């Protein structure tokens, strides 16, 4: 296809670890000119990464051929309260104003990576109006459903204006891509044509398929144990209390839980584990993306979980694709779309959300399987990934979607 000048609008970008990083780099490799408009990195710790600041920027960088333009932003802090609200609003509204001065020239396509908050789409719409370029919105989260599911608010007087804004966003997007099939009816309920909404799921970075890391080891990783590994954000949605309760129910000394990652609930989880006297769970902190295959390969089973909610029952978490690509058995505590996929492809075990007793039983069943049976589950995971979530196929599909809208 012809070379395109693509603007990607996303509140989060490298050195923060999000799927959009991989997408931007791959589009450059395919010959496109890519500019990313984003904020200053502060996720998930809630404070600016080393070398960044509100006044000092840097506001222009380059990352593997991608031009990066950064908008000043208030960090999210502890991920709650007034500072989080300011963080949610700042990029969308101040970023829209700042983009008028920071973004020069014409763009053929504008692509939005939407994770919370929905307000991150606003700079893209402003640029659409000015530059007359079509907007392609990739919805990986639903608002205001996400606010309800995570317990932020259920007050209708707050949700009503957000619904109005969401409808405005959908109406001003030329194509809406969704990471989960279950999102489609929610989006079309805003009187949006079905022809405008497409299922376009997330994938895993190539490094997870390659599944090898040279010259890296971690002496803190347990050996000679049946290791169940959780990797990713440690927040409210991940239902970490269920994992802690399950760890307290599993009495087998050969079973070890390992948690990689960071987030607003990490310290709380570590404190609860100490209070419960749990010796079978380790928190190893945040690790760089290029070391993750080492941990996945060392683990026996990869674990993911989501709290029980209507929204999360129709959500395919991006972590699932990285687990599948790694060719490992998967243990899940979740409902709906993701759970059914694991069961249908026989990739591992999935139990209903927030059910420690069922989860502990599933762990015992997995541990009692033979090496060949676990390998077969891992093989099923990889085949599922290649069939449904292959990175190269999906990005080629995106290029075709770009070509279909002028």
Protein backbone atom coordinates (compact mmCIF):
# COMPACT_ATOMS: atom_id res chain seq x y z
CA UNK A 1 0.00 0.00 0.00
CA UNK A 2 1.04 3.65 -0.38
CA UNK A 3 3.03 5.40 2.34
CA UNK A 4 0.84 7.27 4.81
CA UNK A 5 1.47 10.10 7.24
CA UNK A 6 -0.19 8.78 10.38
CA UNK A 7 -0.88 10.64 13.61
CA UNK A 8 -1.38 8.40 16.64
CA UNK A 9 -3.07 10.05 19.62
CA UNK A 10 -2.60 8.26 22.93
CA UNK A 11 -2.26 9.45 26.51
CA UNK A 12 0.24 6.63 27.13
CA UNK A 13 3.36 5.77 25.12
CA UNK A 14 6.95 4.59 25.50
CA UNK A 15 8.63 4.33 27.97
CA UNK A 16 5.25 3.31 29.39
CA UNK A 17 4.43 -0.23 28.30
CA UNK A 18 1.37 -0.27 26.05
CA UNK A 19 0.41 -2.09 22.85
CA UNK A 20 0.43 1.16 20.90
CA UNK A 21 4.24 1.26 21.20
CA UNK A 22 4.55 -1.90 19.14
CA UNK A 23 1.96 -0.72 16.63
CA UNK A 24 3.72 2.60 16.00
CA UNK A 25 7.11 0.94 15.44
CA UNK A 26 5.67 -1.67 13.09
CA UNK A 27 3.90 0.95 10.99
CA UNK A 28 7.24 2.75 10.59
CA UNK A 29 8.87 -0.52 9.52
CA UNK A 30 6.16 -0.87 6.89
CA UNK A 31 7.17 2.46 5.37
CA UNK A 32 4.69 4.86 6.97
CA UNK A 33 5.60 8.17 8.61
CA UNK A 34 4.29 8.03 12.16
CA UNK A 35 3.91 10.83 14.70
CA UNK A 36 2.67 10.05 18.21
CA UNK A 37 0.96 12.77 20.25
CA UNK A 38 1.07 11.74 23.91
CA UNK A 39 1.60 12.83 27.50
CA UNK A 40 4.65 12.72 29.76
CA UNK A 41 5.22 9.17 31.04
CA UNK A 42 3.94 8.51 34.58
CA UNK A 43 2.06 5.18 34.42
CA UNK A 44 1.71 3.03 36.49
CA UNK A 45 3.82 4.54 39.30
CA UNK A 46 1.87 7.82 39.22
CA UNK A 47 4.95 10.03 39.06
CA UNK A 48 7.05 11.19 36.14
CA UNK A 49 9.67 8.77 34.86
CA UNK A 50 13.26 9.78 35.46
CA UNK A 51 14.34 12.54 33.08
CA UNK A 52 10.82 13.91 32.52
CA UNK A 53 9.01 16.87 34.09
CA UNK A 54 6.01 19.14 33.60
CA UNK A 55 8.12 22.15 32.60
CA UNK A 56 11.29 20.45 31.31
CA UNK A 57 9.63 17.84 29.07
CA UNK A 58 11.26 16.68 26.88
CA UNK A 59 8.38 17.50 24.54
CA UNK A 60 9.91 16.13 21.34
CA UNK A 61 11.68 12.79 21.05
CA UNK A 62 12.19 9.93 18.63
CA UNK A 63 11.58 6.26 19.39
CA UNK A 64 12.69 3.67 16.82
CA UNK A 65 11.79 5.95 13.93
CA UNK A 66 8.57 7.25 15.50
CA UNK A 67 8.33 11.02 16.04
CA UNK A 68 7.06 11.60 19.58
CA UNK A 69 5.41 14.89 20.56
CA UNK A 70 4.55 15.21 24.26
CA UNK A 71 1.96 17.38 25.93
CA UNK A 72 2.57 18.62 29.51
CA UNK A 73 0.41 16.57 31.84
CA UNK A 74 -0.34 16.27 35.54
CA UNK A 75 0.74 12.79 36.76
CA UNK A 76 -1.93 10.42 38.05
CA UNK A 77 -0.48 10.16 41.56
CA UNK A 78 -1.87 7.27 43.59
CA UNK A 79 -4.54 6.59 40.99
CA UNK A 80 -7.47 7.97 42.93
CA UNK A 81 -9.13 11.22 43.99
CA UNK A 82 -8.74 14.72 42.62
CA UNK A 83 -5.28 14.19 41.11
CA UNK A 84 -6.52 11.27 39.01
CA UNK A 85 -9.48 13.34 37.80
CA UNK A 86 -7.12 16.15 36.82
CA UNK A 87 -4.88 13.63 35.05
CA UNK A 88 -7.88 12.23 33.15
CA UNK A 89 -9.01 15.68 32.01
CA UNK A 90 -5.65 17.33 31.41
CA UNK A 91 -4.47 15.46 28.34
CA UNK A 92 -7.87 15.58 26.68
CA UNK A 93 -8.63 19.26 27.17
CA UNK A 94 -5.26 20.99 27.61
CA UNK A 95 -3.76 18.59 25.06
CA UNK A 96 -6.39 19.61 22.52
CA UNK A 97 -5.36 23.24 22.92
CA UNK A 98 -1.62 22.49 22.95
CA UNK A 99 -1.90 20.29 19.85
CA UNK A 100 -2.85 23.37 17.84
CA UNK A 101 0.70 24.63 18.33
CA UNK A 102 2.62 21.37 18.71
CA UNK A 103 1.36 19.47 15.65
CA UNK A 104 2.31 20.94 12.28
CA UNK A 105 1.55 19.76 8.78
CA UNK A 106 -0.99 17.40 7.25
CA UNK A 107 -1.80 13.84 8.30
CA UNK A 108 -3.46 11.26 6.06
CA UNK A 109 -4.96 9.27 8.95
CA UNK A 110 -5.48 9.85 12.66
CA UNK A 111 -5.48 6.77 14.89
CA UNK A 112 -6.51 6.89 18.56
CA UNK A 113 -5.43 4.30 21.12
CA UNK A 114 -8.22 4.57 23.70
CA UNK A 115 -7.63 3.23 27.15
CA UNK A 116 -9.04 5.10 30.13
CA UNK A 117 -9.81 7.94 30.02
CA UNK A 118 -12.16 8.48 27.05
CA UNK A 119 -11.17 12.17 27.08
CA UNK A 120 -7.89 11.21 25.37
CA UNK A 121 -9.81 11.13 22.07
CA UNK A 122 -10.51 14.88 22.08
CA UNK A 123 -7.14 16.06 20.63
CA UNK A 124 -7.70 13.68 17.69
CA UNK A 125 -11.14 15.14 16.98
CA UNK A 126 -9.74 18.68 17.11
CA UNK A 127 -7.02 17.67 14.64
CA UNK A 128 -9.63 16.02 12.42
CA UNK A 129 -11.60 19.26 12.19
CA UNK A 130 -8.48 21.28 11.37
CA UNK A 131 -6.65 18.89 9.05
CA UNK A 132 -9.73 17.19 7.50
CA UNK A 133 -8.27 13.74 8.22
CA UNK A 134 -10.34 10.65 9.12
CA UNK A 135 -10.21 9.37 12.70
CA UNK A 136 -9.84 5.67 13.51
CA UNK A 137 -10.73 4.99 17.15
CA UNK A 138 -9.43 1.79 18.81
CA UNK A 139 -11.59 1.11 21.86
CA UNK A 140 -9.86 -1.15 24.40
CA UNK A 141 -12.04 0.11 27.25
CA UNK A 142 -15.64 1.26 27.53
CA UNK A 143 -16.79 4.43 29.26
CA UNK A 144 -18.71 5.03 31.45
CA UNK A 145 -18.97 1.27 32.06
CA UNK A 146 -15.35 1.17 33.24
CA UNK A 147 -16.06 3.76 35.94
CA UNK A 148 -18.93 1.64 37.23
CA UNK A 149 -17.03 -1.66 37.06
CA UNK A 150 -14.01 -0.38 39.00
CA UNK A 151 -16.16 1.32 41.64
CA UNK A 152 -15.18 4.90 40.74
CA UNK A 153 -18.80 6.05 40.62
CA UNK A 154 -22.33 4.88 39.98
CA UNK A 155 -23.92 8.30 40.36
CA UNK A 156 -26.09 9.09 37.37
CA UNK A 157 -25.53 12.84 37.54
CA UNK A 158 -21.83 12.14 36.86
CA UNK A 159 -22.40 9.38 34.32
CA UNK A 160 -24.94 11.29 32.22
CA UNK A 161 -22.55 13.98 30.90
CA UNK A 162 -19.92 11.31 30.23
CA UNK A 163 -22.43 9.40 28.09
CA UNK A 164 -23.08 12.57 26.12
CA UNK A 165 -19.34 12.98 25.56
CA UNK A 166 -18.97 9.32 24.55
CA UNK A 167 -21.71 9.74 21.92
CA UNK A 168 -19.92 12.84 20.64
CA UNK A 169 -16.68 10.82 20.34
CA UNK A 170 -18.37 7.98 18.46
CA UNK A 171 -20.15 10.36 16.10
CA UNK A 172 -16.86 12.09 15.24
CA UNK A 173 -14.95 8.87 14.57
CA UNK A 174 -14.91 7.55 11.02
CA UNK A 175 -14.25 3.97 12.09
CA UNK A 176 -14.46 2.45 15.56
CA UNK A 177 -12.32 -0.62 16.18
CA UNK A 178 -13.02 -2.73 19.26
CA UNK A 179 -10.68 -5.09 21.08
CA UNK A 180 -13.62 -7.27 22.22
CA UNK A 181 -16.64 -8.49 20.26
CA UNK A 182 -18.87 -7.79 23.25
CA UNK A 183 -18.16 -4.06 22.95
CA UNK A 184 -19.96 -3.77 19.61
CA UNK A 185 -23.58 -3.78 20.87
CA UNK A 186 -22.66 -1.20 23.55
CA UNK A 187 -21.21 1.12 20.92
CA UNK A 188 -24.05 0.73 18.41
CA UNK A 189 -26.56 1.45 21.21
CA UNK A 190 -25.49 5.12 20.84
CA UNK A 191 -27.21 5.10 17.43
CA UNK A 192 -23.94 4.32 15.67
CA UNK A 193 -24.14 2.34 12.42
CA UNK A 194 -22.92 -1.27 12.65
CA UNK A 195 -20.96 -0.75 9.42
CA UNK A 196 -18.79 1.79 11.25
CA UNK A 197 -17.77 -0.62 14.06
CA UNK A 198 -15.21 -3.39 13.50
CA UNK A 199 -13.71 -6.08 15.73
CA UNK A 200 -9.93 -5.61 15.76
CA UNK A 201 -8.33 -7.38 18.75
CA UNK A 202 -5.01 -6.87 20.47
CA UNK A 203 -1.96 -9.08 19.91
CA UNK A 204 1.35 -9.94 21.54
CA UNK A 205 4.69 -8.36 20.72
CA UNK A 206 7.00 -10.62 18.69
CA UNK A 207 9.26 -11.14 21.68
CA UNK A 208 6.63 -13.35 23.33
CA UNK A 209 6.46 -15.69 20.34
CA UNK A 210 10.24 -15.91 20.18
CA UNK A 211 10.16 -16.86 23.86
CA UNK A 212 13.88 -16.49 24.48
CA UNK A 213 16.08 -14.12 26.47
CA UNK A 214 19.83 -14.44 26.29
CA UNK A 215 22.16 -13.55 29.16
CA UNK A 216 19.37 -12.83 31.63
CA UNK A 217 18.45 -14.54 34.87
CA UNK A 218 16.74 -13.65 38.14
CA UNK A 219 17.94 -15.35 41.30
CA UNK A 220 14.69 -14.37 43.05
CA UNK A 221 12.64 -16.56 40.74
CA UNK A 222 11.84 -19.85 42.51
CA UNK A 223 13.36 -23.08 41.24
CA UNK A 224 12.08 -26.62 41.68
CA UNK A 225 8.55 -25.40 42.31
CA UNK A 226 5.27 -25.52 40.39
CA UNK A 227 5.15 -21.80 39.57
CA UNK A 228 1.97 -19.85 38.84
CA UNK A 229 2.90 -16.47 37.39
CA UNK A 230 0.85 -13.27 37.27
CA UNK A 231 2.30 -10.43 35.19
CA UNK A 232 0.90 -6.96 34.65
CA UNK A 233 -0.88 -4.07 36.29
CA UNK A 234 -1.78 -4.59 39.95
CA UNK A 235 -4.95 -2.54 40.26
CA UNK A 236 -8.56 -2.76 41.36
CA UNK A 237 -9.75 -4.55 38.22
CA UNK A 238 -7.25 -7.40 38.60
CA UNK A 239 -8.96 -8.79 41.72
CA UNK A 240 -5.75 -9.48 43.63
CA UNK A 241 -7.62 -10.35 46.88
CA UNK A 242 -8.79 -13.54 45.15
CA UNK A 243 -5.20 -14.53 44.39
CA UNK A 244 -4.12 -13.85 47.97
CA UNK A 245 -7.03 -15.83 49.39
CA UNK A 246 -6.23 -18.68 47.00
CA UNK A 247 -2.59 -18.67 48.08
CA UNK A 248 -3.77 -19.06 51.69
CA UNK A 249 -5.93 -22.06 50.69
CA UNK A 250 -3.19 -23.89 48.77
CA UNK A 251 -1.18 -25.87 51.29
CA UNK A 252 1.09 -27.66 48.83
CA UNK A 253 4.69 -26.56 49.54
CA UNK A 254 5.62 -27.33 45.92
CA UNK A 255 3.31 -24.60 44.60
CA UNK A 256 4.66 -21.04 44.39
CA UNK A 257 2.87 -17.89 43.22
CA UNK A 258 4.95 -15.14 41.57
CA UNK A 259 3.61 -11.64 40.88
CA UNK A 260 5.37 -9.35 38.40
CA UNK A 261 4.28 -5.77 37.89
CA UNK A 262 3.30 -2.60 39.65
CA UNK A 263 0.19 -0.53 40.28
CA UNK A 264 -1.91 1.23 42.88
CA UNK A 265 -2.72 -2.00 44.75
CA UNK A 266 0.78 -3.47 44.91
CA UNK A 267 1.78 -2.19 48.36
CA UNK A 268 -1.58 -3.14 49.80
CA UNK A 269 -1.24 -6.68 48.42
CA UNK A 270 2.27 -7.05 49.80
CA UNK A 271 1.07 -5.90 53.22
CA UNK A 272 -1.87 -8.34 53.21
CA UNK A 273 0.44 -11.19 52.20
CA UNK A 274 2.69 -10.37 55.18
CA UNK A 275 -0.27 -10.12 57.54
CA UNK A 276 -1.51 -13.53 56.40
CA UNK A 277 1.98 -14.99 56.74
CA UNK A 278 2.01 -16.19 53.14
CA UNK A 279 5.36 -17.68 52.21
CA UNK A 280 4.16 -19.12 48.90
CA UNK A 281 3.77 -15.81 47.08
CA UNK A 282 6.53 -13.50 45.83
CA UNK A 283 6.21 -9.95 44.52
CA UNK A 284 9.14 -9.28 42.19
CA UNK A 285 8.11 -5.82 40.99
CA UNK A 286 8.04 -4.28 37.55
CA UNK A 287 10.26 -5.83 34.89
CA UNK A 288 11.22 -4.55 31.44
CA UNK A 289 9.30 -5.92 28.46
CA UNK A 290 12.34 -7.60 26.92
CA UNK A 291 12.86 -9.76 30.03
CA UNK A 292 9.28 -11.01 30.25
CA UNK A 293 9.77 -14.11 28.04
CA UNK A 294 12.35 -15.33 30.59
CA UNK A 295 9.73 -15.33 33.33
CA UNK A 296 7.02 -16.80 31.14
CA UNK A 297 9.30 -19.62 30.07
CA UNK A 298 10.31 -20.41 33.67
CA UNK A 299 6.70 -20.50 34.89
CA UNK A 300 4.54 -23.62 34.69
CA UNK A 301 1.22 -21.77 34.42
CA UNK A 302 0.34 -18.14 33.57
CA UNK A 303 -2.45 -16.54 35.62
CA UNK A 304 -4.85 -13.70 34.84
CA UNK A 305 -7.91 -12.40 36.60
CA UNK A 306 -10.60 -9.72 36.46
CA UNK A 307 -13.19 -8.71 39.01
CA UNK A 308 -16.74 -9.87 38.42
CA UNK A 309 -18.63 -7.22 36.44
CA UNK A 310 -20.81 -6.90 33.38
CA UNK A 311 -18.10 -4.94 31.57
CA UNK A 312 -15.27 -7.37 32.23
CA UNK A 313 -17.42 -10.30 31.14
CA UNK A 314 -17.31 -8.84 27.59
CA UNK A 315 -13.63 -7.83 27.76
CA UNK A 316 -10.65 -9.65 26.26
CA UNK A 317 -7.72 -8.44 28.39
CA UNK A 318 -4.55 -7.81 26.37
CA UNK A 319 -2.59 -9.97 28.78
CA UNK A 320 -4.43 -13.00 27.41
CA UNK A 321 -2.81 -12.59 23.98
CA UNK A 322 0.71 -12.42 25.43
CA UNK A 323 0.02 -15.54 27.48
CA UNK A 324 -1.33 -17.39 24.43
CA UNK A 325 1.63 -16.37 22.26
CA UNK A 326 4.02 -17.71 24.88
CA UNK A 327 2.61 -21.20 24.44
CA UNK A 328 1.91 -21.82 28.12
CA UNK A 329 -1.08 -23.27 30.01
CA UNK A 330 -3.34 -20.50 31.31
CA UNK A 331 -5.17 -20.28 34.62
CA UNK A 332 -7.93 -17.66 34.70
CA UNK A 333 -10.32 -16.24 37.24
CA UNK A 334 -12.73 -14.36 35.02
CA UNK A 335 -16.13 -14.48 33.37
CA UNK A 336 -17.42 -14.23 29.82
CA UNK A 337 -15.50 -13.79 26.58
CA UNK A 338 -11.98 -14.55 27.79
CA UNK A 339 -13.06 -17.48 29.92
CA UNK A 340 -14.95 -19.08 27.05
CA UNK A 341 -11.97 -18.76 24.73
CA UNK A 342 -9.70 -20.58 27.20
CA UNK A 343 -12.23 -23.38 27.60
CA UNK A 344 -13.06 -23.71 23.90
CA UNK A 345 -9.40 -23.99 22.90
CA UNK A 346 -8.44 -26.13 25.94
CA UNK A 347 -5.65 -23.71 26.81
CA UNK A 348 -5.87 -24.35 30.55
CA UNK A 349 -8.40 -23.83 33.32
CA UNK A 350 -10.85 -20.97 33.87
CA UNK A 351 -13.12 -20.49 36.87
CA UNK A 352 -15.70 -17.84 37.72
CA UNK A 353 -14.37 -14.54 39.04
CA UNK A 354 -13.71 -14.09 42.75
CA UNK A 355 -13.95 -17.81 43.60
CA UNK A 356 -10.82 -18.73 45.63
CA UNK A 357 -12.06 -22.24 46.42
CA UNK A 358 -12.68 -23.06 42.75
CA UNK A 359 -9.37 -21.46 41.80
CA UNK A 360 -7.41 -23.49 44.34
CA UNK A 361 -9.07 -26.67 43.04
CA UNK A 362 -8.14 -25.76 39.46
CA UNK A 363 -4.53 -25.26 40.58
CA UNK A 364 -4.43 -28.72 42.12
CA UNK A 365 -5.85 -30.21 38.91
CA UNK A 366 -3.21 -28.47 36.81
CA UNK A 367 -0.40 -29.59 39.10
CA UNK A 368 -1.57 -33.19 38.85
CA UNK A 369 -1.39 -33.19 35.05
CA UNK A 370 1.50 -34.89 33.32
CA UNK A 371 4.24 -32.90 31.59
CA UNK A 372 2.85 -33.94 28.20
CA UNK A 373 -0.66 -32.81 29.13
CA UNK A 374 0.61 -29.40 30.22
CA UNK A 375 2.63 -29.13 27.01
CA UNK A 376 -0.48 -29.90 24.96
CA UNK A 377 -2.36 -27.10 26.72
CA UNK A 378 0.54 -24.76 25.92
CA UNK A 379 0.48 -25.87 22.30
CA UNK A 380 -3.26 -25.19 22.17
CA UNK A 381 -2.59 -21.70 23.50
CA UNK A 382 -0.12 -20.94 20.73
CA UNK A 383 -2.37 -22.34 18.00
CA UNK A 384 -5.23 -20.21 19.31
CA UNK A 385 -3.00 -17.14 19.17
CA UNK A 386 -1.86 -17.75 15.59
CA UNK A 387 -5.40 -18.38 14.43
CA UNK A 388 -7.10 -15.41 16.11
CA UNK A 389 -4.51 -12.82 17.15
CA UNK A 390 -1.54 -13.02 14.80
CA UNK A 391 0.26 -9.66 14.91
CA UNK A 392 1.27 -9.44 11.26
CA UNK A 393 -2.21 -10.31 9.99
CA UNK A 394 -3.90 -7.79 12.29
CA UNK A 395 -1.64 -4.88 11.38
CA UNK A 396 -2.09 -5.69 7.67
CA UNK A 397 -5.83 -5.63 8.34
CA UNK A 398 -5.46 -2.17 9.90
CA UNK A 399 -3.68 -0.93 6.76
CA UNK A 400 -6.62 -2.16 4.71
CA UNK A 401 -9.03 -0.33 7.03
CA UNK A 402 -6.98 2.84 6.57
CA UNK A 403 -7.21 2.47 2.78
CA UNK A 404 -10.99 1.98 2.92
CA UNK A 405 -11.64 5.49 4.32
CA UNK A 406 -10.57 8.68 2.58
